[in-house]
Amino acid sequence: MDSADATSPEAPHAPRWERRKESRPAELLAAALDLFVERGYAATRLDDIASRAGVSKGTLYLYFANKEELFKALVRENIVVLLDRFRTEIADSDAPATLLIEQFLRGWWRDFGATRLAGIAKLIMAEAGNFPEVARFFHDEVIEPNGALLGSIIGRGIERGEFRPVDVETAAHLWIAPLVMKAMWSHSFDLCRIAGASVDPERLIDAHLDLIRAALRPDPR
């Protein structure tokens, strides 16, 4: 094969170094997630993230201006996209609101609570006071939209007569809280392997859904 063939549009694969360059942001975000969860926000250094990703600190700065911007990118690329997907699925569904609540809570646990991403929730709770701008970002990008999404399901059920009227905003906060607590618990007590200190998440969700259904059931009168 001559040199013209190697650089033609028909070449099936890009050179290895080009593929590596394109994958670097994802590798940096993966390394950042590991270190933020392991060490917390304050103790995680950009030098360590670059080293974990196998690049120089100078290379990291080509993609992220500072630690805060890297953290924001991590949240947007891994958590905000989950909320966007849930929002689309709910908007496109005509399922009963009770089923949508179950799908939302089980999906939230499967894709967030049961993963390393839940360590970010623990990080925010632990370090919000020292990093208010980071906490405000997480609230605006994750916490508030998450509550609004669950609230939209509750509101739909009320409008359709499936649920009795309730304070939607308060109910959404109240009913996501046990799963958030369970997610943080999994990154604290569960790591200590203390016998009897934890409840199986599926059992917790089953019991929680029973309480939610009972609370929203319309008055037969």
N, C-alpha and C. Protein backbone atom coordinates (compact mmCIF):
# COMPACT_ATOMS: atom_id res chain seq x y z
N MET A 1 0.85 -1.20 0.00
CA MET A 1 0.00 0.00 0.00
C MET A 1 0.88 1.24 0.00
N ASP A 2 0.61 2.19 -0.91
CA ASP A 2 1.45 3.38 -0.93
C ASP A 2 0.95 4.40 0.08
N SER A 3 1.67 5.52 0.22
CA SER A 3 1.34 6.52 1.24
C SER A 3 0.01 7.17 0.96
N ALA A 4 -0.40 7.29 -0.31
CA ALA A 4 -1.69 7.91 -0.63
C ALA A 4 -2.84 7.08 -0.09
N ASP A 5 -2.69 5.72 -0.18
CA ASP A 5 -3.74 4.85 0.33
C ASP A 5 -3.88 5.02 1.84
N ALA A 6 -2.73 5.18 2.55
CA ALA A 6 -2.75 5.25 4.00
C ALA A 6 -3.48 6.48 4.51
N THR A 7 -3.50 7.54 3.72
CA THR A 7 -4.13 8.78 4.18
C THR A 7 -5.44 9.05 3.48
N SER A 8 -5.95 8.11 2.68
CA SER A 8 -7.17 8.32 1.94
C SER A 8 -8.37 8.22 2.85
N PRO A 9 -9.53 8.81 2.47
CA PRO A 9 -10.73 8.72 3.29
C PRO A 9 -11.21 7.30 3.52
N GLU A 10 -10.78 6.38 2.61
CA GLU A 10 -11.24 5.01 2.74
C GLU A 10 -10.46 4.23 3.79
N ALA A 11 -9.39 4.82 4.36
CA ALA A 11 -8.61 4.10 5.36
C ALA A 11 -9.52 3.71 6.51
N PRO A 12 -9.58 2.42 6.90
CA PRO A 12 -10.59 1.95 7.86
C PRO A 12 -10.38 2.44 9.29
N HIS A 13 -9.13 2.74 9.67
CA HIS A 13 -8.88 3.09 11.06
C HIS A 13 -7.99 4.33 11.12
N ALA A 14 -8.29 5.21 12.07
CA ALA A 14 -7.42 6.36 12.30
C ALA A 14 -6.14 5.89 12.97
N PRO A 15 -5.04 6.62 12.84
CA PRO A 15 -3.81 6.23 13.53
C PRO A 15 -4.06 6.09 15.03
N ARG A 16 -3.30 5.22 15.67
CA ARG A 16 -3.53 4.92 17.08
C ARG A 16 -3.42 6.17 17.94
N TRP A 17 -2.45 7.05 17.65
CA TRP A 17 -2.28 8.23 18.49
C TRP A 17 -3.47 9.16 18.39
N GLU A 18 -4.17 9.18 17.27
CA GLU A 18 -5.35 10.02 17.14
C GLU A 18 -6.50 9.48 17.99
N ARG A 19 -6.68 8.18 17.99
CA ARG A 19 -7.73 7.58 18.80
C ARG A 19 -7.45 7.81 20.28
N ARG A 20 -6.16 7.69 20.64
CA ARG A 20 -5.77 7.91 22.02
C ARG A 20 -6.08 9.35 22.44
N LYS A 21 -5.79 10.31 21.59
CA LYS A 21 -6.03 11.71 21.91
C LYS A 21 -7.52 11.97 22.11
N GLU A 22 -8.35 11.37 21.27
CA GLU A 22 -9.79 11.57 21.38
C GLU A 22 -10.35 10.95 22.65
N SER A 23 -9.71 9.92 23.18
CA SER A 23 -10.22 9.24 24.37
C SER A 23 -9.74 9.88 25.66
N ARG A 24 -8.81 10.82 25.57
CA ARG A 24 -8.22 11.36 26.79
C ARG A 24 -9.22 12.03 27.74
N PRO A 25 -10.15 12.87 27.25
CA PRO A 25 -11.10 13.46 28.21
C PRO A 25 -11.85 12.41 29.01
N ALA A 26 -12.30 11.34 28.35
CA ALA A 26 -13.02 10.28 29.06
C ALA A 26 -12.12 9.59 30.07
N GLU A 27 -10.85 9.38 29.71
CA GLU A 27 -9.92 8.74 30.63
C GLU A 27 -9.65 9.64 31.84
N LEU A 28 -9.55 10.93 31.61
CA LEU A 28 -9.33 11.87 32.70
C LEU A 28 -10.55 11.92 33.63
N LEU A 29 -11.74 11.89 33.06
CA LEU A 29 -12.95 11.91 33.88
C LEU A 29 -13.08 10.63 34.69
N ALA A 30 -12.72 9.50 34.10
CA ALA A 30 -12.77 8.23 34.83
C ALA A 30 -11.79 8.24 36.00
N ALA A 31 -10.60 8.76 35.75
CA ALA A 31 -9.61 8.85 36.83
C ALA A 31 -10.08 9.82 37.91
N ALA A 32 -10.68 10.92 37.49
CA ALA A 32 -11.18 11.90 38.46
C ALA A 32 -12.27 11.30 39.33
N LEU A 33 -13.19 10.54 38.72
CA LEU A 33 -14.26 9.92 39.49
C LEU A 33 -13.67 9.00 40.56
N ASP A 34 -12.71 8.16 40.18
CA ASP A 34 -12.10 7.25 41.14
C ASP A 34 -11.49 8.01 42.31
N LEU A 35 -10.75 9.07 42.01
CA LEU A 35 -10.04 9.78 43.07
C LEU A 35 -10.96 10.65 43.91
N PHE A 36 -11.95 11.28 43.29
CA PHE A 36 -12.90 12.07 44.08
C PHE A 36 -13.65 11.17 45.07
N VAL A 37 -14.03 9.98 44.62
CA VAL A 37 -14.76 9.06 45.49
C VAL A 37 -13.85 8.52 46.59
N GLU A 38 -12.59 8.24 46.25
CA GLU A 38 -11.66 7.68 47.22
C GLU A 38 -11.20 8.70 48.25
N ARG A 39 -10.94 9.96 47.79
CA ARG A 39 -10.27 10.93 48.65
C ARG A 39 -11.10 12.14 49.01
N GLY A 40 -12.18 12.39 48.28
CA GLY A 40 -12.93 13.62 48.49
C GLY A 40 -12.45 14.72 47.56
N TYR A 41 -13.15 15.83 47.58
CA TYR A 41 -12.84 16.93 46.66
C TYR A 41 -11.55 17.65 47.04
N ALA A 42 -11.44 18.04 48.31
CA ALA A 42 -10.29 18.83 48.73
C ALA A 42 -8.98 18.07 48.57
N ALA A 43 -8.98 16.79 48.88
CA ALA A 43 -7.74 16.02 48.89
C ALA A 43 -7.32 15.52 47.51
N THR A 44 -8.18 15.65 46.52
CA THR A 44 -7.84 15.19 45.18
C THR A 44 -7.06 16.27 44.44
N ARG A 45 -5.88 15.94 43.97
CA ARG A 45 -5.03 16.89 43.26
C ARG A 45 -5.03 16.59 41.76
N LEU A 46 -4.89 17.64 40.98
CA LEU A 46 -4.85 17.44 39.53
C LEU A 46 -3.65 16.60 39.12
N ASP A 47 -2.54 16.72 39.83
CA ASP A 47 -1.37 15.88 39.54
C ASP A 47 -1.73 14.41 39.63
N ASP A 48 -2.49 14.06 40.67
CA ASP A 48 -2.84 12.66 40.88
C ASP A 48 -3.82 12.17 39.81
N ILE A 49 -4.75 13.03 39.41
CA ILE A 49 -5.69 12.65 38.35
C ILE A 49 -4.95 12.39 37.06
N ALA A 50 -4.03 13.29 36.71
CA ALA A 50 -3.25 13.11 35.48
C ALA A 50 -2.44 11.82 35.54
N SER A 51 -1.82 11.57 36.69
CA SER A 51 -1.02 10.36 36.84
C SER A 51 -1.88 9.11 36.72
N ARG A 52 -3.07 9.13 37.35
CA ARG A 52 -3.97 7.98 37.28
C ARG A 52 -4.41 7.73 35.84
N ALA A 53 -4.59 8.80 35.07
CA ALA A 53 -5.02 8.67 33.67
C ALA A 53 -3.85 8.38 32.72
N GLY A 54 -2.63 8.45 33.24
CA GLY A 54 -1.46 8.15 32.41
C GLY A 54 -1.05 9.28 31.50
N VAL A 55 -1.32 10.53 31.91
CA VAL A 55 -0.92 11.68 31.10
C VAL A 55 -0.20 12.68 32.00
N SER A 56 0.38 13.70 31.39
CA SER A 56 1.03 14.75 32.17
C SER A 56 -0.01 15.75 32.66
N LYS A 57 0.36 16.52 33.67
CA LYS A 57 -0.55 17.56 34.16
C LYS A 57 -0.80 18.60 33.08
N GLY A 58 0.21 18.87 32.25
CA GLY A 58 0.04 19.81 31.15
C GLY A 58 -1.01 19.33 30.16
N THR A 59 -1.04 18.03 29.92
CA THR A 59 -2.06 17.47 29.03
C THR A 59 -3.45 17.65 29.62
N LEU A 60 -3.57 17.45 30.92
CA LEU A 60 -4.87 17.65 31.58
C LEU A 60 -5.37 19.07 31.36
N TYR A 61 -4.47 20.04 31.45
CA TYR A 61 -4.87 21.44 31.29
C TYR A 61 -5.31 21.77 29.86
N LEU A 62 -5.00 20.91 28.92
CA LEU A 62 -5.50 21.12 27.56
C LEU A 62 -7.01 20.93 27.49
N TYR A 63 -7.56 20.16 28.43
CA TYR A 63 -8.98 19.84 28.41
C TYR A 63 -9.77 20.52 29.52
N PHE A 64 -9.14 20.74 30.67
CA PHE A 64 -9.85 21.31 31.81
C PHE A 64 -9.01 22.40 32.46
N ALA A 65 -9.62 23.56 32.67
CA ALA A 65 -8.87 24.72 33.17
C ALA A 65 -8.43 24.55 34.62
N ASN A 66 -9.24 23.84 35.42
CA ASN A 66 -8.92 23.69 36.83
C ASN A 66 -9.74 22.52 37.40
N LYS A 67 -9.59 22.26 38.68
CA LYS A 67 -10.27 21.13 39.29
C LYS A 67 -11.78 21.31 39.29
N GLU A 68 -12.24 22.52 39.52
CA GLU A 68 -13.68 22.76 39.54
C GLU A 68 -14.31 22.47 38.18
N GLU A 69 -13.66 22.91 37.11
CA GLU A 69 -14.19 22.66 35.77
C GLU A 69 -14.17 21.18 35.44
N LEU A 70 -13.14 20.48 35.90
CA LEU A 70 -13.08 19.03 35.67
C LEU A 70 -14.22 18.35 36.43
N PHE A 71 -14.46 18.77 37.67
CA PHE A 71 -15.55 18.19 38.45
C PHE A 71 -16.90 18.43 37.77
N LYS A 72 -17.11 19.64 37.27
CA LYS A 72 -18.36 19.95 36.59
C LYS A 72 -18.55 19.08 35.35
N ALA A 73 -17.47 18.88 34.60
CA ALA A 73 -17.56 18.02 33.42
C ALA A 73 -17.88 16.59 33.81
N LEU A 74 -17.29 16.13 34.91
CA LEU A 74 -17.57 14.78 35.40
C LEU A 74 -19.05 14.61 35.72
N VAL A 75 -19.63 15.60 36.41
CA VAL A 75 -21.04 15.53 36.78
C VAL A 75 -21.93 15.59 35.54
N ARG A 76 -21.61 16.47 34.62
CA ARG A 76 -22.45 16.62 33.42
C ARG A 76 -22.38 15.39 32.52
N GLU A 77 -21.20 14.80 32.40
CA GLU A 77 -21.03 13.67 31.49
C GLU A 77 -21.54 12.36 32.08
N ASN A 78 -21.67 12.29 33.40
CA ASN A 78 -22.04 11.02 34.02
C ASN A 78 -23.36 11.03 34.76
N ILE A 79 -23.78 12.18 35.29
CA ILE A 79 -25.01 12.24 36.08
C ILE A 79 -26.11 13.01 35.36
N VAL A 80 -25.78 14.19 34.85
CA VAL A 80 -26.79 14.99 34.16
C VAL A 80 -27.37 14.23 32.97
N VAL A 81 -26.53 13.47 32.27
CA VAL A 81 -27.03 12.70 31.12
C VAL A 81 -28.04 11.65 31.54
N LEU A 82 -27.90 11.10 32.76
CA LEU A 82 -28.88 10.14 33.26
C LEU A 82 -30.23 10.81 33.46
N LEU A 83 -30.22 12.02 34.04
CA LEU A 83 -31.47 12.75 34.25
C LEU A 83 -32.12 13.10 32.92
N ASP A 84 -31.30 13.48 31.94
CA ASP A 84 -31.85 13.80 30.62
C ASP A 84 -32.52 12.58 30.01
N ARG A 85 -31.92 11.41 30.19
CA ARG A 85 -32.50 10.19 29.65
C ARG A 85 -33.81 9.85 30.37
N PHE A 86 -33.79 9.95 31.70
CA PHE A 86 -35.03 9.69 32.45
C PHE A 86 -36.13 10.64 32.01
N ARG A 87 -35.78 11.91 31.82
CA ARG A 87 -36.77 12.92 31.43
C ARG A 87 -37.40 12.57 30.09
N THR A 88 -36.59 12.14 29.15
CA THR A 88 -37.10 11.76 27.83
C THR A 88 -38.00 10.53 27.92
N GLU A 89 -37.58 9.54 28.70
CA GLU A 89 -38.37 8.32 28.84
C GLU A 89 -39.73 8.61 29.46
N ILE A 90 -39.76 9.48 30.46
CA ILE A 90 -41.01 9.82 31.12
C ILE A 90 -41.92 10.61 30.19
N ALA A 91 -41.35 11.56 29.46
CA ALA A 91 -42.14 12.38 28.54
C ALA A 91 -42.76 11.52 27.44
N ASP A 92 -42.06 10.47 27.02
CA ASP A 92 -42.53 9.63 25.93
C ASP A 92 -43.46 8.51 26.39
N SER A 93 -43.61 8.36 27.70
CA SER A 93 -44.39 7.24 28.22
C SER A 93 -45.81 7.67 28.59
N ASP A 94 -46.75 6.76 28.35
CA ASP A 94 -48.14 6.99 28.76
C ASP A 94 -48.53 5.99 29.85
N ALA A 95 -47.53 5.44 30.53
CA ALA A 95 -47.77 4.45 31.57
C ALA A 95 -48.42 5.11 32.78
N PRO A 96 -49.09 4.35 33.62
CA PRO A 96 -49.65 4.91 34.86
C PRO A 96 -48.56 5.56 35.70
N ALA A 97 -48.93 6.60 36.41
CA ALA A 97 -47.94 7.33 37.20
C ALA A 97 -47.31 6.46 38.28
N THR A 98 -48.08 5.54 38.84
CA THR A 98 -47.52 4.64 39.85
C THR A 98 -46.38 3.82 39.28
N LEU A 99 -46.55 3.33 38.06
CA LEU A 99 -45.48 2.56 37.41
C LEU A 99 -44.29 3.45 37.10
N LEU A 100 -44.55 4.69 36.69
CA LEU A 100 -43.45 5.61 36.37
C LEU A 100 -42.61 5.92 37.61
N ILE A 101 -43.27 6.07 38.75
CA ILE A 101 -42.52 6.30 39.99
C ILE A 101 -41.62 5.11 40.29
N GLU A 102 -42.16 3.91 40.13
CA GLU A 102 -41.35 2.72 40.37
C GLU A 102 -40.17 2.65 39.41
N GLN A 103 -40.43 2.90 38.13
CA GLN A 103 -39.35 2.87 37.15
C GLN A 103 -38.29 3.92 37.46
N PHE A 104 -38.75 5.10 37.88
CA PHE A 104 -37.80 6.17 38.20
C PHE A 104 -36.91 5.78 39.38
N LEU A 105 -37.51 5.31 40.46
CA LEU A 105 -36.73 4.99 41.65
C LEU A 105 -35.79 3.81 41.41
N ARG A 106 -36.28 2.79 40.72
CA ARG A 106 -35.41 1.63 40.46
C ARG A 106 -34.30 2.02 39.47
N GLY A 107 -34.64 2.83 38.47
CA GLY A 107 -33.63 3.28 37.52
C GLY A 107 -32.60 4.17 38.18
N TRP A 108 -33.06 5.04 39.08
CA TRP A 108 -32.14 5.93 39.82
C TRP A 108 -31.15 5.10 40.61
N TRP A 109 -31.66 4.07 41.27
CA TRP A 109 -30.75 3.24 42.06
C TRP A 109 -29.81 2.45 41.16
N ARG A 110 -30.33 1.86 40.11
CA ARG A 110 -29.51 1.03 39.22
C ARG A 110 -28.39 1.83 38.58
N ASP A 111 -28.69 3.03 38.09
CA ASP A 111 -27.73 3.79 37.29
C ASP A 111 -26.92 4.79 38.10
N PHE A 112 -27.37 5.08 39.33
CA PHE A 112 -26.64 6.05 40.15
C PHE A 112 -26.33 5.48 41.53
N GLY A 113 -27.35 5.16 42.29
CA GLY A 113 -27.14 4.75 43.67
C GLY A 113 -26.25 3.54 43.85
N ALA A 114 -26.35 2.58 42.95
CA ALA A 114 -25.58 1.34 43.06
C ALA A 114 -24.22 1.42 42.37
N THR A 115 -23.83 2.60 41.91
CA THR A 115 -22.56 2.76 41.19
C THR A 115 -21.62 3.68 41.97
N ARG A 116 -20.42 3.83 41.44
CA ARG A 116 -19.45 4.72 42.08
C ARG A 116 -19.90 6.18 42.03
N LEU A 117 -20.82 6.49 41.14
CA LEU A 117 -21.32 7.86 41.06
C LEU A 117 -21.96 8.30 42.38
N ALA A 118 -22.50 7.36 43.14
CA ALA A 118 -23.11 7.71 44.41
C ALA A 118 -22.10 8.31 45.37
N GLY A 119 -20.84 8.00 45.17
CA GLY A 119 -19.81 8.60 46.01
C GLY A 119 -19.73 10.10 45.85
N ILE A 120 -20.20 10.61 44.69
CA ILE A 120 -20.22 12.06 44.48
C ILE A 120 -21.25 12.72 45.40
N ALA A 121 -22.38 12.06 45.63
CA ALA A 121 -23.38 12.59 46.55
C ALA A 121 -22.81 12.69 47.96
N LYS A 122 -22.07 11.67 48.38
CA LYS A 122 -21.44 11.71 49.69
C LYS A 122 -20.42 12.84 49.75
N LEU A 123 -19.65 13.00 48.68
CA LEU A 123 -18.65 14.06 48.62
C LEU A 123 -19.29 15.43 48.81
N ILE A 124 -20.39 15.68 48.11
CA ILE A 124 -21.07 16.97 48.18
C ILE A 124 -21.58 17.22 49.60
N MET A 125 -22.20 16.23 50.21
CA MET A 125 -22.72 16.39 51.56
C MET A 125 -21.60 16.68 52.55
N ALA A 126 -20.45 16.04 52.36
CA ALA A 126 -19.34 16.19 53.31
C ALA A 126 -18.61 17.52 53.14
N GLU A 127 -18.52 18.04 51.90
CA GLU A 127 -17.64 19.17 51.65
C GLU A 127 -18.35 20.42 51.15
N ALA A 128 -19.69 20.42 51.17
CA ALA A 128 -20.44 21.56 50.65
C ALA A 128 -20.07 22.86 51.37
N GLY A 129 -19.90 22.79 52.67
CA GLY A 129 -19.60 24.00 53.43
C GLY A 129 -18.28 24.63 53.06
N ASN A 130 -17.31 23.83 52.64
CA ASN A 130 -16.00 24.35 52.27
C ASN A 130 -15.91 24.76 50.80
N PHE A 131 -16.83 24.23 49.99
CA PHE A 131 -16.81 24.53 48.56
C PHE A 131 -18.23 24.89 48.10
N PRO A 132 -18.74 26.06 48.53
CA PRO A 132 -20.13 26.41 48.24
C PRO A 132 -20.44 26.53 46.75
N GLU A 133 -19.47 26.95 45.94
CA GLU A 133 -19.73 27.07 44.50
C GLU A 133 -19.93 25.71 43.87
N VAL A 134 -19.15 24.75 44.29
CA VAL A 134 -19.30 23.38 43.79
C VAL A 134 -20.64 22.81 44.25
N ALA A 135 -21.01 23.07 45.51
CA ALA A 135 -22.29 22.60 46.02
C ALA A 135 -23.46 23.23 45.28
N ARG A 136 -23.36 24.53 45.00
CA ARG A 136 -24.43 25.21 44.27
C ARG A 136 -24.57 24.65 42.86
N PHE A 137 -23.45 24.38 42.22
CA PHE A 137 -23.48 23.77 40.89
C PHE A 137 -24.19 22.42 40.95
N PHE A 138 -23.85 21.59 41.93
CA PHE A 138 -24.45 20.26 42.02
C PHE A 138 -25.94 20.37 42.30
N HIS A 139 -26.32 21.32 43.12
CA HIS A 139 -27.74 21.53 43.38
C HIS A 139 -28.49 21.92 42.11
N ASP A 140 -27.93 22.88 41.38
CA ASP A 140 -28.62 23.40 40.19
C ASP A 140 -28.67 22.40 39.05
N GLU A 141 -27.62 21.58 38.92
CA GLU A 141 -27.52 20.66 37.79
C GLU A 141 -28.11 19.28 38.09
N VAL A 142 -28.13 18.89 39.37
CA VAL A 142 -28.53 17.52 39.70
C VAL A 142 -29.70 17.48 40.68
N ILE A 143 -29.54 18.08 41.85
CA ILE A 143 -30.56 17.92 42.90
C ILE A 143 -31.89 18.53 42.50
N GLU A 144 -31.88 19.78 42.06
CA GLU A 144 -33.14 20.44 41.69
C GLU A 144 -33.81 19.76 40.50
N PRO A 145 -33.10 19.45 39.41
CA PRO A 145 -33.74 18.75 38.29
C PRO A 145 -34.24 17.35 38.67
N ASN A 146 -33.51 16.67 39.55
CA ASN A 146 -33.93 15.34 39.98
C ASN A 146 -35.26 15.42 40.72
N GLY A 147 -35.38 16.39 41.64
CA GLY A 147 -36.63 16.57 42.37
C GLY A 147 -37.77 17.00 41.46
N ALA A 148 -37.45 17.88 40.49
CA ALA A 148 -38.48 18.33 39.55
C ALA A 148 -38.98 17.18 38.68
N LEU A 149 -38.08 16.28 38.33
CA LEU A 149 -38.47 15.15 37.49
C LEU A 149 -39.41 14.21 38.24
N LEU A 150 -39.07 13.88 39.48
CA LEU A 150 -39.96 13.04 40.27
C LEU A 150 -41.27 13.79 40.53
N GLY A 151 -41.18 15.09 40.77
CA GLY A 151 -42.38 15.89 40.98
C GLY A 151 -43.30 15.90 39.78
N SER A 152 -42.71 15.88 38.58
CA SER A 152 -43.54 15.87 37.37
C SER A 152 -44.36 14.60 37.26
N ILE A 153 -43.81 13.48 37.74
CA ILE A 153 -44.56 12.23 37.73
C ILE A 153 -45.71 12.31 38.74
N ILE A 154 -45.41 12.81 39.92
CA ILE A 154 -46.46 12.94 40.94
C ILE A 154 -47.56 13.88 40.45
N GLY A 155 -47.15 15.00 39.86
CA GLY A 155 -48.14 15.95 39.34
C GLY A 155 -49.00 15.35 38.25
N ARG A 156 -48.40 14.54 37.39
CA ARG A 156 -49.17 13.87 36.33
C ARG A 156 -50.21 12.94 36.94
N GLY A 157 -49.81 12.20 37.97
CA GLY A 157 -50.75 11.30 38.61
C GLY A 157 -51.91 12.03 39.26
N ILE A 158 -51.64 13.18 39.85
CA ILE A 158 -52.71 13.98 40.46
C ILE A 158 -53.68 14.49 39.39
N GLU A 159 -53.11 15.01 38.29
CA GLU A 159 -53.95 15.53 37.21
C GLU A 159 -54.86 14.46 36.62
N ARG A 160 -54.38 13.24 36.56
CA ARG A 160 -55.15 12.15 35.97
C ARG A 160 -56.07 11.46 36.97
N GLY A 161 -56.05 11.90 38.19
CA GLY A 161 -56.90 11.28 39.20
C GLY A 161 -56.34 9.98 39.75
N GLU A 162 -55.10 9.64 39.41
CA GLU A 162 -54.48 8.42 39.94
C GLU A 162 -54.04 8.60 41.38
N PHE A 163 -53.66 9.83 41.75
CA PHE A 163 -53.18 10.13 43.09
C PHE A 163 -54.08 11.18 43.74
N ARG A 164 -54.09 11.17 45.06
CA ARG A 164 -54.77 12.24 45.76
C ARG A 164 -53.88 13.49 45.73
N PRO A 165 -54.43 14.67 45.89
CA PRO A 165 -53.61 15.88 45.89
C PRO A 165 -52.62 15.90 47.06
N VAL A 166 -51.38 16.24 46.77
CA VAL A 166 -50.35 16.38 47.80
C VAL A 166 -49.48 17.58 47.45
N ASP A 167 -48.63 18.00 48.39
CA ASP A 167 -47.63 19.03 48.12
C ASP A 167 -46.53 18.36 47.28
N VAL A 168 -46.56 18.62 45.99
CA VAL A 168 -45.70 17.89 45.05
C VAL A 168 -44.22 18.10 45.35
N GLU A 169 -43.80 19.34 45.55
CA GLU A 169 -42.38 19.62 45.78
C GLU A 169 -41.88 18.92 47.04
N THR A 170 -42.66 19.02 48.11
CA THR A 170 -42.26 18.37 49.37
C THR A 170 -42.25 16.86 49.22
N ALA A 171 -43.26 16.32 48.56
CA ALA A 171 -43.32 14.86 48.38
C ALA A 171 -42.13 14.35 47.59
N ALA A 172 -41.73 15.08 46.56
CA ALA A 172 -40.58 14.65 45.75
C ALA A 172 -39.31 14.61 46.60
N HIS A 173 -39.09 15.65 47.41
CA HIS A 173 -37.92 15.66 48.30
C HIS A 173 -37.99 14.51 49.30
N LEU A 174 -39.17 14.31 49.85
CA LEU A 174 -39.35 13.29 50.88
C LEU A 174 -39.10 11.89 50.34
N TRP A 175 -39.52 11.64 49.11
CA TRP A 175 -39.49 10.27 48.61
C TRP A 175 -38.19 9.90 47.89
N ILE A 176 -37.37 10.89 47.54
CA ILE A 176 -36.05 10.55 47.00
C ILE A 176 -35.03 10.43 48.11
N ALA A 177 -35.32 11.05 49.28
CA ALA A 177 -34.35 11.10 50.37
C ALA A 177 -33.88 9.72 50.84
N PRO A 178 -34.75 8.72 51.03
CA PRO A 178 -34.25 7.42 51.49
C PRO A 178 -33.25 6.78 50.53
N LEU A 179 -33.43 6.98 49.24
CA LEU A 179 -32.48 6.39 48.29
C LEU A 179 -31.16 7.13 48.32
N VAL A 180 -31.21 8.46 48.49
CA VAL A 180 -29.97 9.23 48.61
C VAL A 180 -29.21 8.78 49.86
N MET A 181 -29.95 8.61 50.95
CA MET A 181 -29.32 8.15 52.19
C MET A 181 -28.71 6.77 52.01
N LYS A 182 -29.43 5.89 51.33
CA LYS A 182 -28.91 4.54 51.09
C LYS A 182 -27.65 4.60 50.23
N ALA A 183 -27.63 5.49 49.25
CA ALA A 183 -26.45 5.62 48.39
C ALA A 183 -25.24 6.08 49.19
N MET A 184 -25.43 7.05 50.08
CA MET A 184 -24.31 7.52 50.90
C MET A 184 -23.91 6.45 51.91
N TRP A 185 -24.90 5.72 52.43
CA TRP A 185 -24.62 4.63 53.37
C TRP A 185 -23.72 3.59 52.72
N SER A 186 -23.97 3.33 51.44
CA SER A 186 -23.17 2.31 50.74
C SER A 186 -21.71 2.72 50.60
N HIS A 187 -21.44 4.03 50.72
CA HIS A 187 -20.06 4.52 50.63
C HIS A 187 -19.49 4.87 52.00
N SER A 188 -20.14 4.38 53.05
CA SER A 188 -19.62 4.63 54.39
C SER A 188 -19.72 3.34 55.22
N PHE A 189 -20.86 3.09 55.86
CA PHE A 189 -21.00 1.92 56.71
C PHE A 189 -20.82 0.62 55.95
N ASP A 190 -21.33 0.54 54.73
CA ASP A 190 -21.20 -0.71 53.98
C ASP A 190 -19.74 -1.06 53.71
N LEU A 191 -18.89 -0.04 53.60
CA LEU A 191 -17.47 -0.31 53.38
C LEU A 191 -16.81 -0.93 54.61
N CYS A 192 -17.41 -0.71 55.77
CA CYS A 192 -16.87 -1.27 57.01
C CYS A 192 -17.29 -2.71 57.24
N ARG A 193 -18.27 -3.16 56.42
CA ARG A 193 -18.77 -4.54 56.53
C ARG A 193 -19.25 -4.86 57.95
N ILE A 194 -20.04 -3.95 58.50
CA ILE A 194 -20.61 -4.16 59.83
C ILE A 194 -21.86 -5.02 59.70
N ALA A 195 -21.87 -6.14 60.38
CA ALA A 195 -23.01 -7.07 60.28
C ALA A 195 -24.30 -6.40 60.74
N GLY A 196 -25.34 -6.52 59.92
CA GLY A 196 -26.63 -5.97 60.28
C GLY A 196 -26.77 -4.47 60.12
N ALA A 197 -25.75 -3.81 59.59
CA ALA A 197 -25.79 -2.35 59.47
C ALA A 197 -26.48 -1.88 58.21
N SER A 198 -26.78 -2.81 57.31
CA SER A 198 -27.34 -2.40 56.02
C SER A 198 -28.55 -3.24 55.65
N VAL A 199 -29.44 -2.65 54.86
CA VAL A 199 -30.61 -3.34 54.33
C VAL A 199 -30.43 -3.51 52.83
N ASP A 200 -30.78 -4.67 52.31
CA ASP A 200 -30.69 -4.90 50.88
C ASP A 200 -31.45 -3.81 50.12
N PRO A 201 -30.83 -3.18 49.12
CA PRO A 201 -31.48 -2.05 48.45
C PRO A 201 -32.80 -2.41 47.77
N GLU A 202 -32.93 -3.62 47.24
CA GLU A 202 -34.18 -4.00 46.61
C GLU A 202 -35.30 -4.12 47.64
N ARG A 203 -34.98 -4.65 48.80
CA ARG A 203 -35.98 -4.70 49.87
C ARG A 203 -36.38 -3.30 50.31
N LEU A 204 -35.40 -2.42 50.41
CA LEU A 204 -35.69 -1.03 50.80
C LEU A 204 -36.60 -0.36 49.78
N ILE A 205 -36.30 -0.53 48.50
CA ILE A 205 -37.12 0.10 47.45
C ILE A 205 -38.53 -0.48 47.44
N ASP A 206 -38.65 -1.80 47.62
CA ASP A 206 -39.98 -2.43 47.67
C ASP A 206 -40.82 -1.83 48.79
N ALA A 207 -40.23 -1.73 49.98
CA ALA A 207 -40.96 -1.19 51.13
C ALA A 207 -41.27 0.29 50.92
N HIS A 208 -40.34 1.02 50.35
CA HIS A 208 -40.54 2.44 50.11
C HIS A 208 -41.68 2.66 49.12
N LEU A 209 -41.73 1.87 48.08
CA LEU A 209 -42.81 1.99 47.10
C LEU A 209 -44.17 1.67 47.71
N ASP A 210 -44.22 0.70 48.60
CA ASP A 210 -45.48 0.39 49.28
C ASP A 210 -45.99 1.61 50.05
N LEU A 211 -45.08 2.30 50.73
CA LEU A 211 -45.47 3.49 51.50
C LEU A 211 -45.93 4.62 50.57
N ILE A 212 -45.23 4.79 49.47
CA ILE A 212 -45.59 5.85 48.52
C ILE A 212 -46.97 5.58 47.92
N ARG A 213 -47.21 4.35 47.51
CA ARG A 213 -48.51 4.02 46.93
C ARG A 213 -49.64 4.25 47.93
N ALA A 214 -49.39 3.87 49.18
CA ALA A 214 -50.40 4.07 50.21
C ALA A 214 -50.65 5.56 50.45
N ALA A 215 -49.60 6.35 50.44
CA ALA A 215 -49.73 7.78 50.69
C ALA A 215 -50.46 8.50 49.55
N LEU A 216 -50.33 8.00 48.33
CA LEU A 216 -50.91 8.68 47.16
C LEU A 216 -52.26 8.11 46.76
N ARG A 217 -52.68 7.03 47.36
CA ARG A 217 -53.93 6.39 46.96
C ARG A 217 -55.09 7.36 47.14
N PRO A 218 -55.90 7.55 46.10
CA PRO A 218 -57.04 8.48 46.21
C PRO A 218 -58.04 8.03 47.27
N ASP A 219 -58.67 9.00 47.90
CA ASP A 219 -59.73 8.71 48.86
C ASP A 219 -60.93 8.16 48.08
N PRO A 220 -61.40 6.94 48.40
CA PRO A 220 -62.51 6.35 47.63
C PRO A 220 -63.81 7.17 47.72
N ARG A 221 -63.92 8.07 48.68
CA ARG A 221 -65.12 8.90 48.78
C ARG A 221 -65.13 10.02 47.77
